[in-house]
Amino acid sequence: MLRSGGLESSNVQPIAETTQMVEILRAYQASQKMVDSLSEMRRQAIGRLGRLGN
């Protein structure tokens, strides 16, 4: 039913959505940190293997 002067309500819960976005961001940052750590470990391992061959 339509009413003149009525307010339209939103189906968005801003606090819940913001909290979920922060959780997703933190999970992404943790994943990125792990990828960076693995890349550094590979780089160090390759460097050590290179020195062993000399």
Protein backbone atom coordinates (compact mmCIF):
# COMPACT_ATOMS: atom_id res chain seq x y z
CA MET A 1 0.00 0.00 0.00
CA LEU A 2 1.29 3.46 -0.90
CA ARG A 3 0.94 6.34 1.47
CA SER A 4 1.59 9.96 0.81
CA GLY A 5 4.42 11.33 2.95
CA GLY A 6 5.59 7.86 4.02
CA LEU A 7 9.30 7.06 4.39
CA GLU A 8 10.92 4.33 2.39
CA SER A 9 12.97 1.98 4.52
CA SER A 10 16.25 0.46 3.42
CA ASN A 11 17.14 -3.22 3.52
CA VAL A 12 20.80 -2.31 4.17
CA GLN A 13 22.27 -2.56 7.66
CA PRO A 14 25.20 -0.13 7.53
CA ILE A 15 26.96 -1.28 10.72
CA ALA A 16 26.78 -4.96 9.74
CA GLU A 17 27.96 -4.20 6.19
CA THR A 18 30.86 -2.05 7.44
CA THR A 19 31.90 -4.75 9.90
CA GLN A 20 31.85 -7.36 7.15
CA MET A 21 33.91 -5.12 4.87
CA VAL A 22 36.53 -4.64 7.61
CA GLU A 23 36.68 -8.42 8.17
CA ILE A 24 37.15 -9.01 4.43
CA LEU A 25 39.86 -6.34 4.28
CA ARG A 26 41.74 -7.91 7.21
CA ALA A 27 41.52 -11.38 5.65
CA TYR A 28 42.86 -9.96 2.38
CA GLN A 29 45.71 -8.22 4.19
CA ALA A 30 46.63 -11.43 6.03
CA SER A 31 46.61 -13.36 2.76
CA GLN A 32 48.77 -10.73 1.09
CA LYS A 33 51.24 -10.83 3.98
CA MET A 34 51.49 -14.61 3.66
CA VAL A 35 52.12 -14.36 -0.09
CA ASP A 36 54.83 -11.75 0.54
CA SER A 37 56.45 -13.98 3.19
CA LEU A 38 56.46 -16.97 0.85
CA SER A 39 57.99 -14.88 -1.93
CA GLU A 40 60.74 -13.73 0.43
CA MET A 41 61.40 -17.32 1.55
CA ARG A 42 61.71 -18.43 -2.09
CA ARG A 43 64.04 -15.55 -2.86
CA GLN A 44 66.27 -16.46 0.09
CA ALA A 45 66.24 -20.17 -0.81
CA ILE A 46 67.24 -19.42 -4.42
CA GLY A 47 70.03 -17.16 -3.16
CA ARG A 48 71.36 -19.86 -0.86
CA LEU A 49 71.21 -22.50 -3.57
CA GLY A 50 73.08 -20.16 -5.90
CA ARG A 51 75.87 -19.73 -3.36
CA LEU A 52 76.16 -23.51 -2.88
CA GLY A 53 76.87 -23.98 -6.58
CA ASN A 54 79.92 -21.68 -6.54
